[in-house]
């Protein structure tokens, strides 16, 4: 799986850093946890980040997160490249 990006379209460097840390945790969890648990973890972490960085709920940010998560989930679970898991699937 690829490196975790550092840019997430957040309004501040601190927001980007918070999302990067969350995505690293989720990327690591994808190696050993089922997608249902990943979805729950994602929701918990996004809600935590939103307490200080509400822009994590912005469409641009969520779409970047979904795109990266889908790619990683496909790699981790042997799914065909091009398989789409949308905003609804990730509960964003």
PDB file of N, CA and C in Angstrom:
ATOM      1  N   UNK A   1       0.848  -1.186   0.000  1.00  0.00           N
ATOM      2  CA  UNK A   1       0.000   0.000   0.000  1.00  0.00           C
ATOM      3  C   UNK A   1       0.888   1.242   0.000  1.00  0.00           C
ATOM      4  N   UNK A   2       0.409   2.273  -0.619  1.00  0.00           N
ATOM      5  CA  UNK A   2       1.164   3.513  -0.773  1.00  0.00           C
ATOM      6  C   UNK A   2       1.321   4.262   0.551  1.00  0.00           C
ATOM      7  N   UNK A   3       2.219   5.245   0.514  1.00  0.00           N
ATOM      8  CA  UNK A   3       2.390   6.108   1.679  1.00  0.00           C
ATOM      9  C   UNK A   3       1.125   6.931   1.913  1.00  0.00           C
ATOM     10  N   UNK A   4       0.963   7.381   3.139  1.00  0.00           N
ATOM     11  CA  UNK A   4      -0.175   8.222   3.488  1.00  0.00           C
ATOM     12  C   UNK A   4       0.137   9.651   3.051  1.00  0.00           C
ATOM     13  N   UNK A   5      -0.745  10.264   2.265  1.00  0.00           N
ATOM     14  CA  UNK A   5      -0.517  11.651   1.853  1.00  0.00           C
ATOM     15  C   UNK A   5      -0.504  12.595   3.056  1.00  0.00           C
ATOM     16  N   UNK A   6       0.071  13.746   2.848  1.00  0.00           N
ATOM     17  CA  UNK A   6       0.129  14.764   3.911  1.00  0.00           C
ATOM     18  C   UNK A   6      -0.873  15.885   3.681  1.00  0.00           C
ATOM     19  N   UNK A   7      -1.442  15.971   2.488  1.00  0.00           N
ATOM     20  CA  UNK A   7      -2.402  17.019   2.132  1.00  0.00           C
ATOM     21  C   UNK A   7      -3.797  16.432   2.002  1.00  0.00           C
ATOM     22  N   UNK A   8      -4.759  17.052   2.717  1.00  0.00           N
ATOM     23  CA  UNK A   8      -6.135  16.554   2.717  1.00  0.00           C
ATOM     24  C   UNK A   8      -7.160  17.659   2.477  1.00  0.00           C
ATOM     25  N   UNK A   9      -6.702  18.813   1.996  1.00  0.00           N
ATOM     26  CA  UNK A   9      -7.586  19.952   1.739  1.00  0.00           C
ATOM     27  C   UNK A   9      -8.186  20.532   3.020  1.00  0.00           C
ATOM     28  N   UNK A  10      -7.520  20.321   4.140  1.00  0.00           N
ATOM     29  CA  UNK A  10      -7.957  20.919   5.393  1.00  0.00           C
ATOM     30  C   UNK A  10      -7.542  22.392   5.397  1.00  0.00           C
ATOM     31  N   UNK A  11      -8.118  23.185   6.295  1.00  0.00           N
ATOM     32  CA  UNK A  11      -7.861  24.622   6.328  1.00  0.00           C
ATOM     33  C   UNK A  11      -6.529  24.983   6.967  1.00  0.00           C
ATOM     34  N   UNK A  12      -5.924  24.048   7.679  1.00  0.00           N
ATOM     35  CA  UNK A  12      -4.673  24.349   8.382  1.00  0.00           C
ATOM     36  C   UNK A  12      -3.739  23.149   8.311  1.00  0.00           C
ATOM     37  N   UNK A  13      -2.465  23.420   8.564  1.00  0.00           N
ATOM     38  CA  UNK A  13      -1.488  22.332   8.635  1.00  0.00           C
ATOM     39  C   UNK A  13      -1.834  21.366   9.762  1.00  0.00           C
ATOM     40  N   UNK A  14      -2.355  21.908  10.864  1.00  0.00           N
ATOM     41  CA  UNK A  14      -2.733  21.059  12.000  1.00  0.00           C
ATOM     42  C   UNK A  14      -3.859  20.105  11.607  1.00  0.00           C
ATOM     43  N   UNK A  15      -4.819  20.607  10.819  1.00  0.00           N
ATOM     44  CA  UNK A  15      -5.913  19.753  10.349  1.00  0.00           C
ATOM     45  C   UNK A  15      -5.404  18.653   9.437  1.00  0.00           C
ATOM     46  N   UNK A  16      -4.505  19.028   8.500  1.00  0.00           N
ATOM     47  CA  UNK A  16      -3.913  18.023   7.620  1.00  0.00           C
ATOM     48  C   UNK A  16      -3.136  16.977   8.420  1.00  0.00           C
ATOM     49  N   UNK A  17      -2.418  17.434   9.439  1.00  0.00           N
ATOM     50  CA  UNK A  17      -1.645  16.509  10.281  1.00  0.00           C
ATOM     51  C   UNK A  17      -2.571  15.547  11.023  1.00  0.00           C
ATOM     52  N   UNK A  18      -3.694  16.057  11.515  1.00  0.00           N
ATOM     53  CA  UNK A  18      -4.653  15.203  12.232  1.00  0.00           C
ATOM     54  C   UNK A  18      -5.237  14.140  11.302  1.00  0.00           C
ATOM     55  N   UNK A  19      -5.588  14.529  10.084  1.00  0.00           N
ATOM     56  CA  UNK A  19      -6.145  13.563   9.132  1.00  0.00           C
ATOM     57  C   UNK A  19      -5.070  12.563   8.703  1.00  0.00           C
ATOM     58  N   UNK A  20      -3.861  13.026   8.518  1.00  0.00           N
ATOM     59  CA  UNK A  20      -2.770  12.113   8.158  1.00  0.00           C
ATOM     60  C   UNK A  20      -2.585  11.044   9.231  1.00  0.00           C
ATOM     61  N   UNK A  21      -2.594  11.451  10.495  1.00  0.00           N
ATOM     62  CA  UNK A  21      -2.447  10.487  11.598  1.00  0.00           C
ATOM     63  C   UNK A  21      -3.608   9.494  11.603  1.00  0.00           C
ATOM     64  N   UNK A  22      -4.833   9.999  11.391  1.00  0.00           N
ATOM     65  CA  UNK A  22      -6.004   9.124  11.349  1.00  0.00           C
ATOM     66  C   UNK A  22      -5.870   8.122  10.211  1.00  0.00           C
ATOM     67  N   UNK A  23      -5.481   8.605   9.040  1.00  0.00           N
ATOM     68  CA  UNK A  23      -5.384   7.730   7.883  1.00  0.00           C
ATOM     69  C   UNK A  23      -4.271   6.697   8.039  1.00  0.00           C
ATOM     70  N   UNK A  24      -3.192   7.056   8.698  1.00  0.00           N
ATOM     71  CA  UNK A  24      -2.132   6.078   8.962  1.00  0.00           C
ATOM     72  C   UNK A  24      -2.664   4.970   9.867  1.00  0.00           C
ATOM     73  N   UNK A  25      -3.419   5.365  10.897  1.00  0.00           N
ATOM     74  CA  UNK A  25      -4.009   4.369  11.801  1.00  0.00           C
ATOM     75  C   UNK A  25      -4.962   3.446  11.044  1.00  0.00           C
ATOM     76  N   UNK A  26      -5.777   4.025  10.188  1.00  0.00           N
ATOM     77  CA  UNK A  26      -6.746   3.231   9.439  1.00  0.00           C
ATOM     78  C   UNK A  26      -6.044   2.344   8.410  1.00  0.00           C
ATOM     79  N   UNK A  27      -5.041   2.873   7.761  1.00  0.00           N
ATOM     80  CA  UNK A  27      -4.274   2.072   6.794  1.00  0.00           C
ATOM     81  C   UNK A  27      -3.673   0.850   7.484  1.00  0.00           C
ATOM     82  N   UNK A  28      -3.104   1.053   8.665  1.00  0.00           N
ATOM     83  CA  UNK A  28      -2.530  -0.063   9.423  1.00  0.00           C
ATOM     84  C   UNK A  28      -3.611  -1.065   9.831  1.00  0.00           C
ATOM     85  N   UNK A  29      -4.774  -0.558  10.222  1.00  0.00           N
ATOM     86  CA  UNK A  29      -5.873  -1.431  10.651  1.00  0.00           C
ATOM     87  C   UNK A  29      -6.421  -2.255   9.493  1.00  0.00           C
ATOM     88  N   UNK A  30      -6.367  -1.729   8.279  1.00  0.00           N
ATOM     89  CA  UNK A  30      -6.861  -2.468   7.116  1.00  0.00           C
ATOM     90  C   UNK A  30      -6.145  -3.799   6.918  1.00  0.00           C
ATOM     91  N   UNK A  31      -4.955  -3.913   7.436  1.00  0.00           N
ATOM     92  CA  UNK A  31      -4.176  -5.138   7.277  1.00  0.00           C
ATOM     93  C   UNK A  31      -4.711  -6.289   8.123  1.00  0.00           C
ATOM     94  N   UNK A  32      -5.471  -5.952   9.179  1.00  0.00           N
ATOM     95  CA  UNK A  32      -5.886  -7.015  10.096  1.00  0.00           C
ATOM     96  C   UNK A  32      -7.357  -6.969  10.524  1.00  0.00           C
ATOM     97  N   UNK A  33      -8.078  -5.941  10.166  1.00  0.00           N
ATOM     98  CA  UNK A  33      -9.466  -5.814  10.618  1.00  0.00           C
ATOM     99  C   UNK A  33     -10.433  -5.864   9.438  1.00  0.00           C
ATOM    100  N   UNK A  34     -11.638  -6.367   9.671  1.00  0.00           N
ATOM    101  CA  UNK A  34     -12.648  -6.371   8.607  1.00  0.00           C
ATOM    102  C   UNK A  34     -13.131  -4.942   8.319  1.00  0.00           C
ATOM    103  N   UNK A  35     -13.668  -4.753   7.129  1.00  0.00           N
ATOM    104  CA  UNK A  35     -14.086  -3.418   6.712  1.00  0.00           C
ATOM    105  C   UNK A  35     -15.152  -2.809   7.627  1.00  0.00           C
ATOM    106  N   UNK A  36     -15.999  -3.620   8.208  1.00  0.00           N
ATOM    107  CA  UNK A  36     -17.005  -3.090   9.129  1.00  0.00           C
ATOM    108  C   UNK A  36     -16.335  -2.388  10.313  1.00  0.00           C
ATOM    109  N   UNK A  37     -15.298  -2.986  10.853  1.00  0.00           N
ATOM    110  CA  UNK A  37     -14.570  -2.359  11.965  1.00  0.00           C
ATOM    111  C   UNK A  37     -13.826  -1.118  11.496  1.00  0.00           C
ATOM    112  N   UNK A  38     -13.336  -1.137  10.271  1.00  0.00           N
ATOM    113  CA  UNK A  38     -12.651   0.031   9.714  1.00  0.00           C
ATOM    114  C   UNK A  38     -13.633   1.190   9.606  1.00  0.00           C
ATOM    115  N   UNK A  39     -14.829   0.915   9.161  1.00  0.00           N
ATOM    116  CA  UNK A  39     -15.847   1.976   9.045  1.00  0.00           C
ATOM    117  C   UNK A  39     -16.143   2.591  10.415  1.00  0.00           C
ATOM    118  N   UNK A  40     -16.271   1.768  11.432  1.00  0.00           N
ATOM    119  CA  UNK A  40     -16.535   2.280  12.774  1.00  0.00           C
ATOM    120  C   UNK A  40     -15.362   3.124  13.274  1.00  0.00           C
ATOM    121  N   UNK A  41     -14.151   2.643  13.059  1.00  0.00           N
ATOM    122  CA  UNK A  41     -12.955   3.375  13.470  1.00  0.00           C
ATOM    123  C   UNK A  41     -12.876   4.716  12.743  1.00  0.00           C
ATOM    124  N   UNK A  42     -13.142   4.703  11.450  1.00  0.00           N
ATOM    125  CA  UNK A  42     -13.126   5.932  10.656  1.00  0.00           C
ATOM    126  C   UNK A  42     -14.108   6.953  11.216  1.00  0.00           C
ATOM    127  N   UNK A  43     -15.310   6.523  11.488  1.00  0.00           N
ATOM    128  CA  UNK A  43     -16.345   7.427  12.027  1.00  0.00           C
ATOM    129  C   UNK A  43     -15.904   8.007  13.368  1.00  0.00           C
ATOM    130  N   UNK A  44     -15.373   7.180  14.247  1.00  0.00           N
ATOM    131  CA  UNK A  44     -14.907   7.659  15.554  1.00  0.00           C
ATOM    132  C   UNK A  44     -13.803   8.696  15.400  1.00  0.00           C
ATOM    133  N   UNK A  45     -12.834   8.398  14.558  1.00  0.00           N
ATOM    134  CA  UNK A  45     -11.693   9.308  14.398  1.00  0.00           C
ATOM    135  C   UNK A  45     -12.097  10.623  13.728  1.00  0.00           C
ATOM    136  N   UNK A  46     -12.987  10.551  12.748  1.00  0.00           N
ATOM    137  CA  UNK A  46     -13.440  11.784  12.097  1.00  0.00           C
ATOM    138  C   UNK A  46     -14.203  12.647  13.091  1.00  0.00           C
ATOM    139  N   UNK A  47     -15.046  12.041  13.903  1.00  0.00           N
ATOM    140  CA  UNK A  47     -15.779  12.807  14.918  1.00  0.00           C
ATOM    141  C   UNK A  47     -14.818  13.458  15.910  1.00  0.00           C
ATOM    142  N   UNK A  48     -13.746  12.771  16.254  1.00  0.00           N
ATOM    143  CA  UNK A  48     -12.739  13.351  17.163  1.00  0.00           C
ATOM    144  C   UNK A  48     -12.030  14.540  16.504  1.00  0.00           C
ATOM    145  N   UNK A  49     -11.638  14.380  15.258  1.00  0.00           N
ATOM    146  CA  UNK A  49     -10.950  15.458  14.541  1.00  0.00           C
ATOM    147  C   UNK A  49     -11.870  16.667  14.390  1.00  0.00           C
ATOM    148  N   UNK A  50     -13.137  16.418  14.135  1.00  0.00           N
ATOM    149  CA  UNK A  50     -14.103  17.500  13.904  1.00  0.00           C
ATOM    150  C   UNK A  50     -14.267  18.427  15.103  1.00  0.00           C
ATOM    151  N   UNK A  51     -13.938  17.962  16.279  1.00  0.00           N
ATOM    152  CA  UNK A  51     -14.042  18.819  17.466  1.00  0.00           C
ATOM    153  C   UNK A  51     -13.156  20.055  17.346  1.00  0.00           C
ATOM    154  N   UNK A  52     -12.028  19.921  16.651  1.00  0.00           N
ATOM    155  CA  UNK A  52     -11.124  21.051  16.453  1.00  0.00           C
ATOM    156  C   UNK A  52     -11.016  21.478  14.999  1.00  0.00           C
ATOM    157  N   UNK A  53     -11.417  20.600  14.088  1.00  0.00           N
ATOM    158  CA  UNK A  53     -11.267  20.870  12.653  1.00  0.00           C
ATOM    159  C   UNK A  53     -12.541  20.422  11.939  1.00  0.00           C
ATOM    160  N   UNK A  54     -13.577  21.246  12.025  1.00  0.00           N
ATOM    161  CA  UNK A  54     -14.885  20.885  11.460  1.00  0.00           C
ATOM    162  C   UNK A  54     -14.841  20.668   9.951  1.00  0.00           C
ATOM    163  N   UNK A  55     -13.833  21.237   9.292  1.00  0.00           N
ATOM    164  CA  UNK A  55     -13.746  21.093   7.836  1.00  0.00           C
ATOM    165  C   UNK A  55     -13.490  19.653   7.402  1.00  0.00           C
ATOM    166  N   UNK A  56     -13.225  18.757   8.340  1.00  0.00           N
ATOM    167  CA  UNK A  56     -13.063  17.345   7.990  1.00  0.00           C
ATOM    168  C   UNK A  56     -14.359  16.802   7.362  1.00  0.00           C
ATOM    169  N   UNK A  57     -15.481  17.483   7.607  1.00  0.00           N
ATOM    170  CA  UNK A  57     -16.757  17.080   7.016  1.00  0.00           C
ATOM    171  C   UNK A  57     -16.993  17.693   5.635  1.00  0.00           C
ATOM    172  N   UNK A  58     -16.102  18.572   5.177  1.00  0.00           N
ATOM    173  CA  UNK A  58     -16.259  19.188   3.861  1.00  0.00           C
ATOM    174  C   UNK A  58     -16.197  18.120   2.769  1.00  0.00           C
ATOM    175  N   UNK A  59     -16.932  18.350   1.710  1.00  0.00           N
ATOM    176  CA  UNK A  59     -17.014  17.385   0.613  1.00  0.00           C
ATOM    177  C   UNK A  59     -15.647  17.056   0.030  1.00  0.00           C
ATOM    178  N   UNK A  60     -14.826  18.072  -0.234  1.00  0.00           N
ATOM    179  CA  UNK A  60     -13.515  17.812  -0.832  1.00  0.00           C
ATOM    180  C   UNK A  60     -12.668  16.897   0.051  1.00  0.00           C
ATOM    181  N   UNK A  61     -12.673  17.161   1.334  1.00  0.00           N
ATOM    182  CA  UNK A  61     -11.884  16.352   2.275  1.00  0.00           C
ATOM    183  C   UNK A  61     -12.410  14.921   2.294  1.00  0.00           C
ATOM    184  N   UNK A  62     -13.713  14.777   2.413  1.00  0.00           N
ATOM    185  CA  UNK A  62     -14.306  13.439   2.476  1.00  0.00           C
ATOM    186  C   UNK A  62     -14.059  12.644   1.197  1.00  0.00           C
ATOM    187  N   UNK A  63     -14.127  13.304   0.052  1.00  0.00           N
ATOM    188  CA  UNK A  63     -13.895  12.597  -1.210  1.00  0.00           C
ATOM    189  C   UNK A  63     -12.459  12.098  -1.331  1.00  0.00           C
ATOM    190  N   UNK A  64     -11.511  12.888  -0.856  1.00  0.00           N
ATOM    191  CA  UNK A  64     -10.112  12.453  -0.875  1.00  0.00           C
ATOM    192  C   UNK A  64      -9.922  11.259   0.062  1.00  0.00           C
ATOM    193  N   UNK A  65     -10.520  11.336   1.251  1.00  0.00           N
ATOM    194  CA  UNK A  65     -10.440  10.238   2.210  1.00  0.00           C
ATOM    195  C   UNK A  65     -11.039   8.965   1.604  1.00  0.00           C
ATOM    196  N   UNK A  66     -12.218   9.081   1.006  1.00  0.00           N
ATOM    197  CA  UNK A  66     -12.892   7.919   0.416  1.00  0.00           C
ATOM    198  C   UNK A  66     -12.064   7.321  -0.716  1.00  0.00           C
ATOM    199  N   UNK A  67     -11.520   8.158  -1.552  1.00  0.00           N
ATOM    200  CA  UNK A  67     -10.703   7.664  -2.662  1.00  0.00           C
ATOM    201  C   UNK A  67      -9.507   6.865  -2.159  1.00  0.00           C
ATOM    202  N   UNK A  68      -8.814   7.407  -1.178  1.00  0.00           N
ATOM    203  CA  UNK A  68      -7.627   6.727  -0.642  1.00  0.00           C
ATOM    204  C   UNK A  68      -8.029   5.448   0.095  1.00  0.00           C
ATOM    205  N   UNK A  69      -9.091   5.514   0.916  1.00  0.00           N
ATOM    206  CA  UNK A  69      -9.534   4.324   1.656  1.00  0.00           C
ATOM    207  C   UNK A  69      -9.958   3.202   0.717  1.00  0.00           C
ATOM    208  N   UNK A  70     -10.659   3.566  -0.336  1.00  0.00           N
ATOM    209  CA  UNK A  70     -11.111   2.557  -1.290  1.00  0.00           C
ATOM    210  C   UNK A  70      -9.919   1.868  -1.937  1.00  0.00           C
ATOM    211  N   UNK A  71      -8.934   2.642  -2.336  1.00  0.00           N
ATOM    212  CA  UNK A  71      -7.731   2.066  -2.949  1.00  0.00           C
ATOM    213  C   UNK A  71      -7.044   1.112  -1.977  1.00  0.00           C
ATOM    214  N   UNK A  72      -6.852   1.559  -0.735  1.00  0.00           N
ATOM    215  CA  UNK A  72      -6.194   0.717   0.261  1.00  0.00           C
ATOM    216  C   UNK A  72      -7.013  -0.525   0.573  1.00  0.00           C
ATOM    217  N   UNK A  73      -8.342  -0.367   0.701  1.00  0.00           N
ATOM    218  CA  UNK A  73      -9.207  -1.509   1.007  1.00  0.00           C
ATOM    219  C   UNK A  73      -9.140  -2.547  -0.106  1.00  0.00           C
ATOM    220  N   UNK A  74      -9.111  -2.085  -1.351  1.00  0.00           N
ATOM    221  CA  UNK A  74      -8.990  -3.015  -2.479  1.00  0.00           C
ATOM    222  C   UNK A  74      -7.670  -3.767  -2.416  1.00  0.00           C
ATOM    223  N   UNK A  75      -6.595  -3.055  -2.143  1.00  0.00           N
ATOM    224  CA  UNK A  75      -5.284  -3.695  -2.047  1.00  0.00           C
ATOM    225  C   UNK A  75      -5.244  -4.701  -0.899  1.00  0.00           C
ATOM    226  N   UNK A  76      -5.761  -4.314   0.246  1.00  0.00           N
ATOM    227  CA  UNK A  76      -5.700  -5.161   1.443  1.00  0.00           C
ATOM    228  C   UNK A  76      -6.587  -6.398   1.326  1.00  0.00           C
ATOM    229  N   UNK A  77      -7.671  -6.282   0.552  1.00  0.00           N
ATOM    230  CA  UNK A  77      -8.637  -7.374   0.475  1.00  0.00           C
ATOM    231  C   UNK A  77      -8.654  -8.080  -0.873  1.00  0.00           C
ATOM    232  N   UNK A  78      -7.688  -7.763  -1.711  1.00  0.00           N
ATOM    233  CA  UNK A  78      -7.590  -8.444  -2.997  1.00  0.00           C
ATOM    234  C   UNK A  78      -8.751  -8.152  -3.930  1.00  0.00           C
ATOM    235  N   UNK A  79      -9.335  -6.964  -3.822  1.00  0.00           N
ATOM    236  CA  UNK A  79     -10.442  -6.599  -4.692  1.00  0.00           C
ATOM    237  C   UNK A  79      -9.905  -6.041  -6.008  1.00  0.00           C
ATOM    238  N   UNK A  80     -10.679  -6.186  -7.045  1.00  0.00           N
ATOM    239  CA  UNK A  80     -10.292  -5.725  -8.372  1.00  0.00           C
ATOM    240  C   UNK A  80     -10.084  -4.213  -8.368  1.00  0.00           C
ATOM    241  N   UNK A  81      -9.008  -3.753  -8.978  1.00  0.00           N
ATOM    242  CA  UNK A  81      -8.762  -2.321  -9.121  1.00  0.00           C
ATOM    243  C   UNK A  81      -9.926  -1.720  -9.896  1.00  0.00           C
ATOM    244  N   UNK A  82     -10.402  -0.594  -9.439  1.00  0.00           N
ATOM    245  CA  UNK A  82     -11.564   0.035 -10.058  1.00  0.00           C
ATOM    246  C   UNK A  82     -12.833  -0.219  -9.270  1.00  0.00           C
ATOM    247  N   UNK A  83     -12.754  -1.128  -8.300  1.00  0.00           N
ATOM    248  CA  UNK A  83     -13.883  -1.380  -7.415  1.00  0.00           C
ATOM    249  C   UNK A  83     -14.149  -0.106  -6.631  1.00  0.00           C
ATOM    250  N   UNK A  84     -15.399   0.321  -6.534  1.00  0.00           N
ATOM    251  CA  UNK A  84     -15.726   1.587  -5.876  1.00  0.00           C
ATOM    252  C   UNK A  84     -16.491   1.365  -4.569  1.00  0.00           C
ATOM    253  N   UNK A  85     -16.009   2.009  -3.529  1.00  0.00           N
ATOM    254  CA  UNK A  85     -16.719   2.101  -2.257  1.00  0.00           C
ATOM    255  C   UNK A  85     -16.967   3.591  -2.064  1.00  0.00           C
ATOM    256  N   UNK A  86     -18.231   4.001  -2.071  1.00  0.00           N
ATOM    257  CA  UNK A  86     -18.534   5.427  -2.100  1.00  0.00           C
ATOM    258  C   UNK A  86     -18.690   6.037  -0.708  1.00  0.00           C
ATOM    259  N   UNK A  87     -19.046   7.319  -0.681  1.00  0.00           N
ATOM    260  CA  UNK A  87     -19.229   8.037   0.580  1.00  0.00           C
ATOM    261  C   UNK A  87     -20.232   7.329   1.484  1.00  0.00           C
ATOM    262  N   UNK A  88     -21.295   6.794   0.900  1.00  0.00           N
ATOM    263  CA  UNK A  88     -22.305   6.100   1.696  1.00  0.00           C
ATOM    264  C   UNK A  88     -21.734   4.848   2.351  1.00  0.00           C
ATOM    265  N   UNK A  89     -20.933   4.089   1.602  1.00  0.00           N
ATOM    266  CA  UNK A  89     -20.361   2.887   2.175  1.00  0.00           C
ATOM    267  C   UNK A  89     -19.501   3.227   3.389  1.00  0.00           C
ATOM    268  N   UNK A  90     -18.658   4.249   3.266  1.00  0.00           N
ATOM    269  CA  UNK A  90     -17.758   4.627   4.353  1.00  0.00           C
ATOM    270  C   UNK A  90     -18.478   5.425   5.427  1.00  0.00           C
ATOM    271  N   UNK A  91     -19.773   5.672   5.241  1.00  0.00           N
ATOM    272  CA  UNK A  91     -20.603   6.395   6.215  1.00  0.00           C
ATOM    273  C   UNK A  91     -20.092   7.823   6.415  1.00  0.00           C
ATOM    274  N   UNK A  92     -19.689   8.447   5.301  1.00  0.00           N
ATOM    275  CA  UNK A  92     -19.244   9.826   5.345  1.00  0.00           C
ATOM    276  C   UNK A  92     -20.273  10.669   4.639  1.00  0.00           C
TER     277      UNK A  92
END
